Amino acid sequence: ILAIGVFIIAGHHGFLYLGQQHVPG
């Protein structure tokens, strides 16, 4: 649960959403 929650949900989407402020989908 921690591995998926930290890296796949929080880490992946945190970086993705920050990055998509500057690049198109």
mmCIF file of all heavy atoms, coordinates in Angstrom:
data_MODEL
# 
_entry.id   MODEL 
# 
loop_
_atom_site.group_PDB 
_atom_site.id 
_atom_site.type_symbol 
_atom_site.label_atom_id 
_atom_site.label_alt_id 
_atom_site.label_comp_id 
_atom_site.label_asym_id 
_atom_site.label_entity_id 
_atom_site.label_seq_id 
_atom_site.pdbx_PDB_ins_code 
_atom_site.Cartn_x 
_atom_site.Cartn_y 
_atom_site.Cartn_z 
_atom_site.occupancy 
_atom_site.B_iso_or_equiv 
_atom_site.pdbx_formal_charge 
_atom_site.auth_seq_id 
_atom_site.auth_comp_id 
_atom_site.auth_asym_id 
_atom_site.auth_atom_id 
_atom_site.pdbx_PDB_model_num 
ATOM 1   N N   . ILE A 1 1  ? 0.836  -1.207 0.000   1.00 0.00 ? 1  ILE A N   1 
ATOM 2   C CA  . ILE A 1 1  ? 0.000  0.000  0.000   1.00 0.00 ? 1  ILE A CA  1 
ATOM 3   C C   . ILE A 1 1  ? 0.865  1.249  0.000   1.00 0.00 ? 1  ILE A C   1 
ATOM 4   O O   . ILE A 1 1  ? 0.620  2.202  -0.755  1.00 0.00 ? 1  ILE A O   1 
ATOM 5   C CB  . ILE A 1 1  ? -0.942 -0.008 1.220   1.00 0.00 ? 1  ILE A CB  1 
ATOM 6   C CG1 . ILE A 1 1  ? -2.012 -1.094 1.052   1.00 0.00 ? 1  ILE A CG1 1 
ATOM 7   C CG2 . ILE A 1 1  ? -1.613 1.359  1.399   1.00 0.00 ? 1  ILE A CG2 1 
ATOM 8   C CD1 . ILE A 1 1  ? -2.827 -1.343 2.311   1.00 0.00 ? 1  ILE A CD1 1 
ATOM 9   N N   . LEU A 1 2  ? 1.918  1.247  0.827   1.00 0.00 ? 2  LEU A N   1 
ATOM 10  C CA  . LEU A 1 2  ? 2.792  2.413  0.911   1.00 0.00 ? 2  LEU A CA  1 
ATOM 11  C C   . LEU A 1 2  ? 3.557  2.635  -0.393  1.00 0.00 ? 2  LEU A C   1 
ATOM 12  O O   . LEU A 1 2  ? 3.692  3.774  -0.859  1.00 0.00 ? 2  LEU A O   1 
ATOM 13  C CB  . LEU A 1 2  ? 3.777  2.254  2.075   1.00 0.00 ? 2  LEU A CB  1 
ATOM 14  C CG  . LEU A 1 2  ? 3.178  2.375  3.476   1.00 0.00 ? 2  LEU A CG  1 
ATOM 15  C CD1 . LEU A 1 2  ? 4.241  2.090  4.529   1.00 0.00 ? 2  LEU A CD1 1 
ATOM 16  C CD2 . LEU A 1 2  ? 2.560  3.756  3.691   1.00 0.00 ? 2  LEU A CD2 1 
ATOM 17  N N   . ALA A 1 3  ? 4.067  1.555  -0.992  1.00 0.00 ? 3  ALA A N   1 
ATOM 18  C CA  . ALA A 1 3  ? 4.833  1.696  -2.242  1.00 0.00 ? 3  ALA A CA  1 
ATOM 19  C C   . ALA A 1 3  ? 3.970  2.288  -3.343  1.00 0.00 ? 3  ALA A C   1 
ATOM 20  O O   . ALA A 1 3  ? 4.386  3.207  -4.068  1.00 0.00 ? 3  ALA A O   1 
ATOM 21  C CB  . ALA A 1 3  ? 5.397  0.344  -2.663  1.00 0.00 ? 3  ALA A CB  1 
ATOM 22  N N   . ILE A 1 4  ? 2.744  1.777  -3.480  1.00 0.00 ? 4  ILE A N   1 
ATOM 23  C CA  . ILE A 1 4  ? 1.851  2.292  -4.521  1.00 0.00 ? 4  ILE A CA  1 
ATOM 24  C C   . ILE A 1 4  ? 1.377  3.702  -4.168  1.00 0.00 ? 4  ILE A C   1 
ATOM 25  O O   . ILE A 1 4  ? 1.355  4.604  -5.016  1.00 0.00 ? 4  ILE A O   1 
ATOM 26  C CB  . ILE A 1 4  ? 0.651  1.347  -4.714  1.00 0.00 ? 4  ILE A CB  1 
ATOM 27  C CG1 . ILE A 1 4  ? 1.126  -0.019 -5.213  1.00 0.00 ? 4  ILE A CG1 1 
ATOM 28  C CG2 . ILE A 1 4  ? -0.351 1.950  -5.703  1.00 0.00 ? 4  ILE A CG2 1 
ATOM 29  C CD1 . ILE A 1 4  ? 0.033  -1.068 -5.278  1.00 0.00 ? 4  ILE A CD1 1 
ATOM 30  N N   . GLY A 1 5  ? 1.007  3.915  -2.900  1.00 0.00 ? 5  GLY A N   1 
ATOM 31  C CA  . GLY A 1 5  ? 0.501  5.218  -2.493  1.00 0.00 ? 5  GLY A CA  1 
ATOM 32  C C   . GLY A 1 5  ? 1.534  6.322  -2.627  1.00 0.00 ? 5  GLY A C   1 
ATOM 33  O O   . GLY A 1 5  ? 1.233  7.409  -3.114  1.00 0.00 ? 5  GLY A O   1 
ATOM 34  N N   . VAL A 1 6  ? 2.784  6.022  -2.221  1.00 0.00 ? 6  VAL A N   1 
ATOM 35  C CA  . VAL A 1 6  ? 3.834  7.044  -2.240  1.00 0.00 ? 6  VAL A CA  1 
ATOM 36  C C   . VAL A 1 6  ? 4.336  7.305  -3.653  1.00 0.00 ? 6  VAL A C   1 
ATOM 37  O O   . VAL A 1 6  ? 4.436  8.459  -4.086  1.00 0.00 ? 6  VAL A O   1 
ATOM 38  C CB  . VAL A 1 6  ? 5.006  6.632  -1.320  1.00 0.00 ? 6  VAL A CB  1 
ATOM 39  C CG1 . VAL A 1 6  ? 6.194  7.578  -1.500  1.00 0.00 ? 6  VAL A CG1 1 
ATOM 40  C CG2 . VAL A 1 6  ? 4.565  6.606  0.134   1.00 0.00 ? 6  VAL A CG2 1 
ATOM 41  N N   . PHE A 1 7  ? 4.646  6.228  -4.393  1.00 0.00 ? 7  PHE A N   1 
ATOM 42  C CA  . PHE A 1 7  ? 5.317  6.412  -5.687  1.00 0.00 ? 7  PHE A CA  1 
ATOM 43  C C   . PHE A 1 7  ? 4.346  6.493  -6.869  1.00 0.00 ? 7  PHE A C   1 
ATOM 44  O O   . PHE A 1 7  ? 4.522  7.334  -7.754  1.00 0.00 ? 7  PHE A O   1 
ATOM 45  C CB  . PHE A 1 7  ? 6.313  5.265  -5.925  1.00 0.00 ? 7  PHE A CB  1 
ATOM 46  C CG  . PHE A 1 7  ? 7.488  5.294  -4.996  1.00 0.00 ? 7  PHE A CG  1 
ATOM 47  C CD1 . PHE A 1 7  ? 7.534  4.471  -3.884  1.00 0.00 ? 7  PHE A CD1 1 
ATOM 48  C CD2 . PHE A 1 7  ? 8.540  6.161  -5.216  1.00 0.00 ? 7  PHE A CD2 1 
ATOM 49  C CE1 . PHE A 1 7  ? 8.610  4.496  -3.013  1.00 0.00 ? 7  PHE A CE1 1 
ATOM 50  C CE2 . PHE A 1 7  ? 9.632  6.206  -4.357  1.00 0.00 ? 7  PHE A CE2 1 
ATOM 51  C CZ  . PHE A 1 7  ? 9.663  5.367  -3.242  1.00 0.00 ? 7  PHE A CZ  1 
ATOM 52  N N   . ILE A 1 8  ? 3.333  5.616  -6.902  1.00 0.00 ? 8  ILE A N   1 
ATOM 53  C CA  . ILE A 1 8  ? 2.459  5.552  -8.080  1.00 0.00 ? 8  ILE A CA  1 
ATOM 54  C C   . ILE A 1 8  ? 1.328  6.579  -8.013  1.00 0.00 ? 8  ILE A C   1 
ATOM 55  O O   . ILE A 1 8  ? 0.950  7.157  -9.037  1.00 0.00 ? 8  ILE A O   1 
ATOM 56  C CB  . ILE A 1 8  ? 1.900  4.120  -8.249  1.00 0.00 ? 8  ILE A CB  1 
ATOM 57  C CG1 . ILE A 1 8  ? 3.058  3.153  -8.565  1.00 0.00 ? 8  ILE A CG1 1 
ATOM 58  C CG2 . ILE A 1 8  ? 0.843  4.071  -9.340  1.00 0.00 ? 8  ILE A CG2 1 
ATOM 59  C CD1 . ILE A 1 8  ? 2.635  1.713  -8.757  1.00 0.00 ? 8  ILE A CD1 1 
ATOM 60  N N   . ILE A 1 9  ? 0.795  6.819  -6.814  1.00 0.00 ? 9  ILE A N   1 
ATOM 61  C CA  . ILE A 1 9  ? -0.281 7.809  -6.696  1.00 0.00 ? 9  ILE A CA  1 
ATOM 62  C C   . ILE A 1 9  ? 0.294  9.197  -6.420  1.00 0.00 ? 9  ILE A C   1 
ATOM 63  O O   . ILE A 1 9  ? 0.159  10.114 -7.236  1.00 0.00 ? 9  ILE A O   1 
ATOM 64  C CB  . ILE A 1 9  ? -1.290 7.409  -5.597  1.00 0.00 ? 9  ILE A CB  1 
ATOM 65  C CG1 . ILE A 1 9  ? -1.875 6.016  -5.889  1.00 0.00 ? 9  ILE A CG1 1 
ATOM 66  C CG2 . ILE A 1 9  ? -2.403 8.456  -5.516  1.00 0.00 ? 9  ILE A CG2 1 
ATOM 67  C CD1 . ILE A 1 9  ? -2.641 5.899  -7.182  1.00 0.00 ? 9  ILE A CD1 1 
ATOM 68  N N   . ALA A 1 10 ? 0.975  9.377  -5.284  1.00 0.00 ? 10 ALA A N   1 
ATOM 69  C CA  . ALA A 1 10 ? 1.444  10.717 -4.905  1.00 0.00 ? 10 ALA A CA  1 
ATOM 70  C C   . ALA A 1 10 ? 2.598  11.197 -5.781  1.00 0.00 ? 10 ALA A C   1 
ATOM 71  O O   . ALA A 1 10 ? 2.534  12.279 -6.373  1.00 0.00 ? 10 ALA A O   1 
ATOM 72  C CB  . ALA A 1 10 ? 1.856  10.720 -3.431  1.00 0.00 ? 10 ALA A CB  1 
ATOM 73  N N   . GLY A 1 11 ? 3.660  10.401 -5.882  1.00 0.00 ? 11 GLY A N   1 
ATOM 74  C CA  . GLY A 1 11 ? 4.823  10.836 -6.651  1.00 0.00 ? 11 GLY A CA  1 
ATOM 75  C C   . GLY A 1 11 ? 4.521  11.017 -8.124  1.00 0.00 ? 11 GLY A C   1 
ATOM 76  O O   . GLY A 1 11 ? 4.817  12.065 -8.711  1.00 0.00 ? 11 GLY A O   1 
ATOM 77  N N   . HIS A 1 12 ? 3.927  9.992  -8.733  1.00 0.00 ? 12 HIS A N   1 
ATOM 78  C CA  . HIS A 1 12 ? 3.636  10.044 -10.174 1.00 0.00 ? 12 HIS A CA  1 
ATOM 79  C C   . HIS A 1 12 ? 2.728  11.216 -10.511 1.00 0.00 ? 12 HIS A C   1 
ATOM 80  O O   . HIS A 1 12 ? 3.029  12.022 -11.401 1.00 0.00 ? 12 HIS A O   1 
ATOM 81  C CB  . HIS A 1 12 ? 2.994  8.730  -10.605 1.00 0.00 ? 12 HIS A CB  1 
ATOM 82  C CG  . HIS A 1 12 ? 2.449  8.742  -11.994 1.00 0.00 ? 12 HIS A CG  1 
ATOM 83  N ND1 . HIS A 1 12 ? 3.247  8.854  -13.110 1.00 0.00 ? 12 HIS A ND1 1 
ATOM 84  C CD2 . HIS A 1 12 ? 1.172  8.674  -12.464 1.00 0.00 ? 12 HIS A CD2 1 
ATOM 85  C CE1 . HIS A 1 12 ? 2.508  8.849  -14.192 1.00 0.00 ? 12 HIS A CE1 1 
ATOM 86  N NE2 . HIS A 1 12 ? 1.243  8.746  -13.830 1.00 0.00 ? 12 HIS A NE2 1 
ATOM 87  N N   . HIS A 1 13 ? 1.618  11.338 -9.800  1.00 0.00 ? 13 HIS A N   1 
ATOM 88  C CA  . HIS A 1 13 ? 0.654  12.373 -10.158 1.00 0.00 ? 13 HIS A CA  1 
ATOM 89  C C   . HIS A 1 13 ? 1.105  13.757 -9.702  1.00 0.00 ? 13 HIS A C   1 
ATOM 90  O O   . HIS A 1 13 ? 0.775  14.757 -10.359 1.00 0.00 ? 13 HIS A O   1 
ATOM 91  C CB  . HIS A 1 13 ? -0.719 12.026 -9.586  1.00 0.00 ? 13 HIS A CB  1 
ATOM 92  C CG  . HIS A 1 13 ? -1.352 10.853 -10.259 1.00 0.00 ? 13 HIS A CG  1 
ATOM 93  N ND1 . HIS A 1 13 ? -1.150 9.551  -9.839  1.00 0.00 ? 13 HIS A ND1 1 
ATOM 94  C CD2 . HIS A 1 13 ? -2.142 10.770 -11.361 1.00 0.00 ? 13 HIS A CD2 1 
ATOM 95  C CE1 . HIS A 1 13 ? -1.801 8.722  -10.635 1.00 0.00 ? 13 HIS A CE1 1 
ATOM 96  N NE2 . HIS A 1 13 ? -2.407 9.434  -11.570 1.00 0.00 ? 13 HIS A NE2 1 
ATOM 97  N N   . GLY A 1 14 ? 1.850  13.843 -8.597  1.00 0.00 ? 14 GLY A N   1 
ATOM 98  C CA  . GLY A 1 14 ? 2.374  15.144 -8.201  1.00 0.00 ? 14 GLY A CA  1 
ATOM 99  C C   . GLY A 1 14 ? 3.265  15.739 -9.272  1.00 0.00 ? 14 GLY A C   1 
ATOM 100 O O   . GLY A 1 14 ? 3.082  16.891 -9.695  1.00 0.00 ? 14 GLY A O   1 
ATOM 101 N N   . PHE A 1 15 ? 4.238  14.956 -9.747  1.00 0.00 ? 15 PHE A N   1 
ATOM 102 C CA  . PHE A 1 15 ? 5.129  15.440 -10.812 1.00 0.00 ? 15 PHE A CA  1 
ATOM 103 C C   . PHE A 1 15 ? 4.364  15.676 -12.112 1.00 0.00 ? 15 PHE A C   1 
ATOM 104 O O   . PHE A 1 15 ? 4.615  16.654 -12.825 1.00 0.00 ? 15 PHE A O   1 
ATOM 105 C CB  . PHE A 1 15 ? 6.253  14.435 -11.059 1.00 0.00 ? 15 PHE A CB  1 
ATOM 106 C CG  . PHE A 1 15 ? 7.348  14.463 -10.024 1.00 0.00 ? 15 PHE A CG  1 
ATOM 107 C CD1 . PHE A 1 15 ? 7.670  13.326 -9.304  1.00 0.00 ? 15 PHE A CD1 1 
ATOM 108 C CD2 . PHE A 1 15 ? 8.061  15.621 -9.786  1.00 0.00 ? 15 PHE A CD2 1 
ATOM 109 C CE1 . PHE A 1 15 ? 8.681  13.344 -8.350  1.00 0.00 ? 15 PHE A CE1 1 
ATOM 110 C CE2 . PHE A 1 15 ? 9.085  15.658 -8.835  1.00 0.00 ? 15 PHE A CE2 1 
ATOM 111 C CZ  . PHE A 1 15 ? 9.384  14.512 -8.111  1.00 0.00 ? 15 PHE A CZ  1 
ATOM 112 N N   . LEU A 1 16 ? 3.427  14.765 -12.440 1.00 0.00 ? 16 LEU A N   1 
ATOM 113 C CA  . LEU A 1 16 ? 2.681  14.881 -13.693 1.00 0.00 ? 16 LEU A CA  1 
ATOM 114 C C   . LEU A 1 16 ? 1.864  16.173 -13.728 1.00 0.00 ? 16 LEU A C   1 
ATOM 115 O O   . LEU A 1 16 ? 1.905  16.926 -14.718 1.00 0.00 ? 16 LEU A O   1 
ATOM 116 C CB  . LEU A 1 16 ? 1.761  13.681 -13.871 1.00 0.00 ? 16 LEU A CB  1 
ATOM 117 C CG  . LEU A 1 16 ? 0.813  13.712 -15.077 1.00 0.00 ? 16 LEU A CG  1 
ATOM 118 C CD1 . LEU A 1 16 ? 1.596  13.731 -16.385 1.00 0.00 ? 16 LEU A CD1 1 
ATOM 119 C CD2 . LEU A 1 16 ? -0.153 12.524 -15.051 1.00 0.00 ? 16 LEU A CD2 1 
ATOM 120 N N   . TYR A 1 17 ? 1.136  16.458 -12.659 1.00 0.00 ? 17 TYR A N   1 
ATOM 121 C CA  . TYR A 1 17 ? 0.280  17.646 -12.633 1.00 0.00 ? 17 TYR A CA  1 
ATOM 122 C C   . TYR A 1 17 ? 1.113  18.918 -12.629 1.00 0.00 ? 17 TYR A C   1 
ATOM 123 O O   . TYR A 1 17 ? 0.738  19.914 -13.264 1.00 0.00 ? 17 TYR A O   1 
ATOM 124 C CB  . TYR A 1 17 ? -0.654 17.611 -11.428 1.00 0.00 ? 17 TYR A CB  1 
ATOM 125 C CG  . TYR A 1 17 ? -1.870 16.719 -11.600 1.00 0.00 ? 17 TYR A CG  1 
ATOM 126 C CD1 . TYR A 1 17 ? -1.746 15.391 -11.969 1.00 0.00 ? 17 TYR A CD1 1 
ATOM 127 C CD2 . TYR A 1 17 ? -3.151 17.215 -11.388 1.00 0.00 ? 17 TYR A CD2 1 
ATOM 128 C CE1 . TYR A 1 17 ? -2.854 14.574 -12.114 1.00 0.00 ? 17 TYR A CE1 1 
ATOM 129 C CE2 . TYR A 1 17 ? -4.274 16.408 -11.527 1.00 0.00 ? 17 TYR A CE2 1 
ATOM 130 C CZ  . TYR A 1 17 ? -4.111 15.084 -11.897 1.00 0.00 ? 17 TYR A CZ  1 
ATOM 131 O OH  . TYR A 1 17 ? -5.213 14.281 -12.056 1.00 0.00 ? 17 TYR A OH  1 
ATOM 132 N N   . LEU A 1 18 ? 2.248  18.916 -11.908 1.00 0.00 ? 18 LEU A N   1 
ATOM 133 C CA  . LEU A 1 18 ? 3.131  20.074 -11.939 1.00 0.00 ? 18 LEU A CA  1 
ATOM 134 C C   . LEU A 1 18 ? 3.687  20.286 -13.348 1.00 0.00 ? 18 LEU A C   1 
ATOM 135 O O   . LEU A 1 18 ? 3.759  21.411 -13.842 1.00 0.00 ? 18 LEU A O   1 
ATOM 136 C CB  . LEU A 1 18 ? 4.277  19.894 -10.940 1.00 0.00 ? 18 LEU A CB  1 
ATOM 137 C CG  . LEU A 1 18 ? 3.922  20.030 -9.460  1.00 0.00 ? 18 LEU A CG  1 
ATOM 138 C CD1 . LEU A 1 18 ? 5.117  19.635 -8.600  1.00 0.00 ? 18 LEU A CD1 1 
ATOM 139 C CD2 . LEU A 1 18 ? 3.478  21.455 -9.132  1.00 0.00 ? 18 LEU A CD2 1 
ATOM 140 N N   . GLY A 1 19 ? 4.087  19.183 -13.994 1.00 0.00 ? 19 GLY A N   1 
ATOM 141 C CA  . GLY A 1 19 ? 4.648  19.281 -15.338 1.00 0.00 ? 19 GLY A CA  1 
ATOM 142 C C   . GLY A 1 19 ? 3.639  19.723 -16.371 1.00 0.00 ? 19 GLY A C   1 
ATOM 143 O O   . GLY A 1 19 ? 3.957  20.511 -17.279 1.00 0.00 ? 19 GLY A O   1 
ATOM 144 N N   . GLN A 1 20 ? 2.394  19.267 -16.217 1.00 0.00 ? 20 GLN A N   1 
ATOM 145 C CA  . GLN A 1 20 ? 1.380  19.615 -17.216 1.00 0.00 ? 20 GLN A CA  1 
ATOM 146 C C   . GLN A 1 20 ? 0.910  21.062 -17.108 1.00 0.00 ? 20 GLN A C   1 
ATOM 147 O O   . GLN A 1 20 ? 0.111  21.509 -17.939 1.00 0.00 ? 20 GLN A O   1 
ATOM 148 C CB  . GLN A 1 20 ? 0.187  18.653 -17.129 1.00 0.00 ? 20 GLN A CB  1 
ATOM 149 C CG  . GLN A 1 20 ? 0.400  17.394 -17.941 1.00 0.00 ? 20 GLN A CG  1 
ATOM 150 C CD  . GLN A 1 20 ? -0.905 16.724 -18.342 1.00 0.00 ? 20 GLN A CD  1 
ATOM 151 O OE1 . GLN A 1 20 ? -1.128 15.567 -18.029 1.00 0.00 ? 20 GLN A OE1 1 
ATOM 152 N NE2 . GLN A 1 20 ? -1.769 17.434 -19.051 1.00 0.00 ? 20 GLN A NE2 1 
ATOM 153 N N   . GLN A 1 21 ? 1.400  21.785 -16.132 1.00 0.00 ? 21 GLN A N   1 
ATOM 154 C CA  . GLN A 1 21 ? 1.165  23.229 -16.150 1.00 0.00 ? 21 GLN A CA  1 
ATOM 155 C C   . GLN A 1 21 ? 1.920  23.882 -17.297 1.00 0.00 ? 21 GLN A C   1 
ATOM 156 O O   . GLN A 1 21 ? 1.579  24.982 -17.724 1.00 0.00 ? 21 GLN A O   1 
ATOM 157 C CB  . GLN A 1 21 ? 1.652  23.858 -14.834 1.00 0.00 ? 21 GLN A CB  1 
ATOM 158 C CG  . GLN A 1 21 ? 0.863  23.488 -13.607 1.00 0.00 ? 21 GLN A CG  1 
ATOM 159 C CD  . GLN A 1 21 ? 1.416  24.192 -12.381 1.00 0.00 ? 21 GLN A CD  1 
ATOM 160 O OE1 . GLN A 1 21 ? 0.795  25.096 -11.843 1.00 0.00 ? 21 GLN A OE1 1 
ATOM 161 N NE2 . GLN A 1 21 ? 2.592  23.780 -11.945 1.00 0.00 ? 21 GLN A NE2 1 
ATOM 162 N N   . HIS A 1 22 ? 2.959  23.203 -17.799 1.00 0.00 ? 22 HIS A N   1 
ATOM 163 C CA  . HIS A 1 22 ? 3.867  23.799 -18.779 1.00 0.00 ? 22 HIS A CA  1 
ATOM 164 C C   . HIS A 1 22 ? 3.896  23.070 -20.118 1.00 0.00 ? 22 HIS A C   1 
ATOM 165 O O   . HIS A 1 22 ? 4.447  23.597 -21.079 1.00 0.00 ? 22 HIS A O   1 
ATOM 166 C CB  . HIS A 1 22 ? 5.285  23.842 -18.215 1.00 0.00 ? 22 HIS A CB  1 
ATOM 167 C CG  . HIS A 1 22 ? 5.368  24.409 -16.831 1.00 0.00 ? 22 HIS A CG  1 
ATOM 168 N ND1 . HIS A 1 22 ? 4.986  25.702 -16.534 1.00 0.00 ? 22 HIS A ND1 1 
ATOM 169 C CD2 . HIS A 1 22 ? 5.774  23.852 -15.658 1.00 0.00 ? 22 HIS A CD2 1 
ATOM 170 C CE1 . HIS A 1 22 ? 5.162  25.923 -15.238 1.00 0.00 ? 22 HIS A CE1 1 
ATOM 171 N NE2 . HIS A 1 22 ? 5.628  24.825 -14.690 1.00 0.00 ? 22 HIS A NE2 1 
ATOM 172 N N   . VAL A 1 23 ? 3.340  21.860 -20.191 1.00 0.00 ? 23 VAL A N   1 
ATOM 173 C CA  . VAL A 1 23 ? 3.328  21.120 -21.460 1.00 0.00 ? 23 VAL A CA  1 
ATOM 174 C C   . VAL A 1 23 ? 1.920  20.593 -21.707 1.00 0.00 ? 23 VAL A C   1 
ATOM 175 O O   . VAL A 1 23 ? 1.194  20.281 -20.758 1.00 0.00 ? 23 VAL A O   1 
ATOM 176 C CB  . VAL A 1 23 ? 4.340  19.945 -21.453 1.00 0.00 ? 23 VAL A CB  1 
ATOM 177 C CG1 . VAL A 1 23 ? 5.757  20.454 -21.313 1.00 0.00 ? 23 VAL A CG1 1 
ATOM 178 C CG2 . VAL A 1 23 ? 4.029  18.951 -20.349 1.00 0.00 ? 23 VAL A CG2 1 
ATOM 179 N N   . PRO A 1 24 ? 1.490  20.495 -22.965 1.00 0.00 ? 24 PRO A N   1 
ATOM 180 C CA  . PRO A 1 24 ? 0.137  19.997 -23.267 1.00 0.00 ? 24 PRO A CA  1 
ATOM 181 C C   . PRO A 1 24 ? -0.013 18.517 -22.942 1.00 0.00 ? 24 PRO A C   1 
ATOM 182 O O   . PRO A 1 24 ? 0.975  17.773 -22.830 1.00 0.00 ? 24 PRO A O   1 
ATOM 183 C CB  . PRO A 1 24 ? -0.008 20.258 -24.763 1.00 0.00 ? 24 PRO A CB  1 
ATOM 184 C CG  . PRO A 1 24 ? 1.385  20.351 -25.283 1.00 0.00 ? 24 PRO A CG  1 
ATOM 185 C CD  . PRO A 1 24 ? 2.212  20.916 -24.176 1.00 0.00 ? 24 PRO A CD  1 
ATOM 186 N N   . GLY A 1 25 ? -1.267 18.088 -22.798 1.00 0.00 ? 25 GLY A N   1 
ATOM 187 C CA  . GLY A 1 25 ? -1.550 16.715 -22.421 1.00 0.00 ? 25 GLY A CA  1 
ATOM 188 C C   . GLY A 1 25 ? -1.005 15.690 -23.396 1.00 0.00 ? 25 GLY A C   1 
ATOM 189 O O   . GLY A 1 25 ? -0.509 14.628 -22.988 1.00 0.00 ? 25 GLY A O   1 
# 
